[in-house]
């Protein structure tokens, strides 16, 4: 799916959910947060508006160009972006208070998803949290879910293969189990098709 599709079509649909994520997760002013697979930077910009020190990474330069443009438009000095592969993040271990990935797992096949989450676990502080926002599996039987399936089908290629694998494997619940993550809280939005999970590396 092209960056213009995200900026002008997908991002507006997800805006209300993105606004909820910082408060839902307990992020506060001055926290250091990394957003992985940040795309057009919409989630990073939202973090910045709420006084969070936010960094976004994405491997697509076309997406980052939009993200940088949006940063300048908002005149935010507490956010930054860098080009990087989410399976090999250019940061040391135990660096960030929170590491999020927002709607960036469902379009990847299982091997890539697992590598991304492993890197997120590596760079979050031991006392920090991961924030995973994506499709709720199984998808509910409503119009929102039908719309989501159509959009993913139109995206096609590896994106659609990743979506099918994500759904068939159990989505975020499967990821939590595979990576021994403890779910602190979960919320459901947009008619129950989207799920936000805050998780820790271990049970306190």
Protein backbone atom coordinates (compact mmCIF):
# COMPACT_ATOMS: atom_id res chain seq x y z
CA UNK A 1 0.00 0.00 0.00
CA UNK A 2 1.42 3.40 -0.95
CA UNK A 3 2.40 6.11 1.54
CA UNK A 4 -0.29 8.40 0.09
CA UNK A 5 -2.94 5.78 0.88
CA UNK A 6 -1.78 5.73 4.50
CA UNK A 7 -1.56 9.50 4.89
CA UNK A 8 -4.87 10.42 3.30
CA UNK A 9 -7.02 7.34 3.95
CA UNK A 10 -5.70 5.02 6.69
CA UNK A 11 -4.23 7.56 9.13
CA UNK A 12 -7.49 9.56 9.49
CA UNK A 13 -9.43 6.37 10.27
CA UNK A 14 -6.94 5.43 13.00
CA UNK A 15 -6.50 8.94 14.45
CA UNK A 16 -8.88 8.49 17.39
CA UNK A 17 -7.20 5.21 18.37
CA UNK A 18 -3.73 6.75 18.12
CA UNK A 19 -4.83 9.54 20.48
CA UNK A 20 -5.92 6.96 23.06
CA UNK A 21 -2.71 4.89 23.05
CA UNK A 22 -0.45 7.13 25.22
CA UNK A 23 -2.95 7.51 28.06
CA UNK A 24 -4.13 3.91 27.78
CA UNK A 25 -0.53 2.71 28.16
CA UNK A 26 0.36 5.04 31.03
CA UNK A 27 2.91 7.05 29.05
CA UNK A 28 3.72 10.37 30.66
CA UNK A 29 5.52 13.61 29.89
CA UNK A 30 9.25 13.01 29.41
CA UNK A 31 9.07 9.25 28.84
CA UNK A 32 11.30 7.90 26.07
CA UNK A 33 9.24 5.93 23.57
CA UNK A 34 10.23 4.11 20.39
CA UNK A 35 7.62 3.46 17.72
CA UNK A 36 8.63 0.63 15.37
CA UNK A 37 7.48 0.50 11.73
CA UNK A 38 6.26 4.07 12.20
CA UNK A 39 5.19 4.64 8.60
CA UNK A 40 4.05 8.23 8.08
CA UNK A 41 4.87 9.00 11.73
CA UNK A 42 1.29 9.55 12.84
CA UNK A 43 1.73 7.72 16.17
CA UNK A 44 5.08 9.39 16.87
CA UNK A 45 3.54 12.81 16.20
CA UNK A 46 0.75 12.00 18.66
CA UNK A 47 3.32 11.04 21.29
CA UNK A 48 5.15 14.30 20.67
CA UNK A 49 2.00 16.37 21.10
CA UNK A 50 1.61 14.83 24.55
CA UNK A 51 5.14 15.77 25.66
CA UNK A 52 6.69 12.35 25.16
CA UNK A 53 10.25 12.01 23.82
CA UNK A 54 9.46 9.87 20.79
CA UNK A 55 11.55 8.20 18.12
CA UNK A 56 10.12 6.52 15.04
CA UNK A 57 11.86 3.99 12.81
CA UNK A 58 10.84 2.66 9.42
CA UNK A 59 12.79 1.08 6.57
CA UNK A 60 10.87 2.92 3.83
CA UNK A 61 12.35 6.32 2.99
CA UNK A 62 9.13 7.40 1.26
CA UNK A 63 7.24 6.93 4.54
CA UNK A 64 9.90 8.76 6.55
CA UNK A 65 9.79 11.71 4.16
CA UNK A 66 6.11 12.14 5.03
CA UNK A 67 6.89 11.69 8.73
CA UNK A 68 9.54 14.42 8.65
CA UNK A 69 7.18 16.74 6.80
CA UNK A 70 4.51 16.18 9.46
CA UNK A 71 7.04 16.80 12.23
CA UNK A 72 7.96 20.17 10.70
CA UNK A 73 4.31 21.06 10.23
CA UNK A 74 3.64 20.45 13.93
CA UNK A 75 6.88 22.23 14.97
CA UNK A 76 7.77 19.38 17.33
CA UNK A 77 11.28 19.31 18.78
CA UNK A 78 10.79 16.22 20.97
CA UNK A 79 10.36 13.69 18.14
CA UNK A 80 12.85 12.18 15.71
CA UNK A 81 12.86 9.65 12.89
CA UNK A 82 15.46 7.33 11.46
CA UNK A 83 15.60 4.77 8.69
CA UNK A 84 16.14 1.27 10.07
CA UNK A 85 15.03 -2.33 9.69
CA UNK A 86 12.78 -3.31 12.62
CA UNK A 87 14.41 -6.76 12.71
CA UNK A 88 17.75 -5.13 13.60
CA UNK A 89 17.16 -1.93 15.54
CA UNK A 90 20.13 0.49 15.83
CA UNK A 91 19.78 0.95 19.60
CA UNK A 92 21.36 -0.57 22.66
CA UNK A 93 19.52 -2.83 25.08
CA UNK A 94 17.23 -1.50 27.85
CA UNK A 95 16.97 1.98 26.37
CA UNK A 96 13.28 2.95 26.10
CA UNK A 97 10.49 3.27 28.67
CA UNK A 98 8.00 2.03 26.08
CA UNK A 99 8.32 0.43 22.66
CA UNK A 100 5.24 0.39 20.47
CA UNK A 101 4.20 -1.03 17.14
CA UNK A 102 0.89 0.25 15.88
CA UNK A 103 -0.77 -1.67 13.05
CA UNK A 104 2.60 -2.86 11.79
CA UNK A 105 2.57 -6.57 12.61
CA UNK A 106 -0.37 -7.92 10.64
CA UNK A 107 1.26 -7.28 7.25
CA UNK A 108 4.33 -9.40 8.06
CA UNK A 109 4.78 -13.16 7.90
CA UNK A 110 5.50 -15.06 11.10
CA UNK A 111 9.30 -15.16 10.93
CA UNK A 112 9.54 -11.38 10.44
CA UNK A 113 6.93 -10.67 13.12
CA UNK A 114 8.89 -12.71 15.63
CA UNK A 115 12.17 -10.96 14.81
CA UNK A 116 10.53 -7.54 15.18
CA UNK A 117 9.03 -8.37 18.58
CA UNK A 118 12.33 -9.87 19.77
CA UNK A 119 14.07 -6.59 18.92
CA UNK A 120 11.37 -4.62 20.70
CA UNK A 121 11.93 -6.75 23.81
CA UNK A 122 15.68 -6.14 23.59
CA UNK A 123 15.52 -2.34 23.52
CA UNK A 124 12.77 -1.78 26.11
CA UNK A 125 13.82 -1.26 29.73
CA UNK A 126 13.28 -4.21 32.06
CA UNK A 127 10.67 -2.22 33.96
CA UNK A 128 9.18 -0.81 30.75
CA UNK A 129 6.31 -1.97 28.56
CA UNK A 130 5.61 -3.02 25.01
CA UNK A 131 2.51 -1.62 23.33
CA UNK A 132 1.03 -3.69 20.52
CA UNK A 133 -1.91 -2.33 18.52
CA UNK A 134 -3.37 -4.35 15.66
CA UNK A 135 -6.34 -6.41 14.49
CA UNK A 136 -8.25 -8.30 17.16
CA UNK A 137 -8.27 -12.02 16.32
CA UNK A 138 -10.69 -13.54 15.60
CA UNK A 139 -12.18 -10.60 13.75
CA UNK A 140 -15.78 -9.90 14.76
CA UNK A 141 -18.54 -10.47 12.25
CA UNK A 142 -19.42 -6.85 11.55
CA UNK A 143 -19.05 -4.22 8.82
CA UNK A 144 -15.79 -2.92 10.28
CA UNK A 145 -14.24 -6.38 9.91
CA UNK A 146 -15.57 -6.75 6.37
CA UNK A 147 -14.08 -3.38 5.48
CA UNK A 148 -10.71 -4.42 6.99
CA UNK A 149 -10.65 -7.64 4.99
CA UNK A 150 -11.34 -5.75 1.76
CA UNK A 151 -8.56 -3.23 2.44
CA UNK A 152 -6.05 -5.98 3.19
CA UNK A 153 -7.07 -7.89 0.06
CA UNK A 154 -6.61 -4.77 -2.07
CA UNK A 155 -3.13 -4.27 -0.56
CA UNK A 156 -2.27 -7.70 -1.99
CA UNK A 157 1.14 -9.37 -2.30
CA UNK A 158 3.24 -9.99 0.80
CA UNK A 159 1.02 -7.61 2.77
CA UNK A 160 -2.05 -9.80 2.24
CA UNK A 161 -0.08 -13.00 2.85
CA UNK A 162 1.07 -11.55 6.15
CA UNK A 163 -2.49 -10.57 7.06
CA UNK A 164 -3.81 -14.07 6.41
CA UNK A 165 -0.97 -15.62 8.42
CA UNK A 166 -1.53 -13.15 11.28
CA UNK A 167 -5.24 -14.01 11.44
CA UNK A 168 -4.74 -17.77 11.08
CA UNK A 169 -2.00 -17.91 13.73
CA UNK A 170 -4.03 -16.13 16.42
CA UNK A 171 -2.82 -12.53 16.09
CA UNK A 172 -1.47 -10.66 19.10
CA UNK A 173 -2.47 -13.39 21.55
CA UNK A 174 -0.18 -15.82 19.76
CA UNK A 175 2.65 -13.28 19.81
CA UNK A 176 2.30 -12.82 23.59
CA UNK A 177 2.51 -16.58 24.11
CA UNK A 178 5.47 -17.07 21.78
CA UNK A 179 7.47 -14.30 23.44
CA UNK A 180 6.53 -15.00 27.08
CA UNK A 181 4.98 -11.56 27.46
CA UNK A 182 2.63 -10.82 30.35
CA UNK A 183 -0.49 -8.87 29.31
CA UNK A 184 -1.05 -5.94 31.66
CA UNK A 185 -4.18 -4.63 29.98
CA UNK A 186 -6.09 -4.74 26.70
CA UNK A 187 -8.63 -2.51 24.98
CA UNK A 188 -10.85 -2.96 21.94
CA UNK A 189 -11.86 -0.28 19.44
CA UNK A 190 -13.58 0.38 16.10
CA UNK A 191 -16.34 -2.14 16.61
CA UNK A 192 -13.95 -4.60 18.23
CA UNK A 193 -11.69 -5.09 15.19
CA UNK A 194 -8.70 -3.32 16.74
CA UNK A 195 -6.93 -4.40 19.91
CA UNK A 196 -4.37 -2.54 22.01
CA UNK A 197 -2.28 -4.61 24.41
CA UNK A 198 0.21 -3.32 26.98
CA UNK A 199 2.63 -6.07 27.96
CA UNK A 200 5.67 -6.58 30.17
CA UNK A 201 8.63 -8.88 29.76
CA UNK A 202 7.87 -10.69 33.00
CA UNK A 203 5.20 -10.94 35.69
CA UNK A 204 5.86 -8.70 38.63
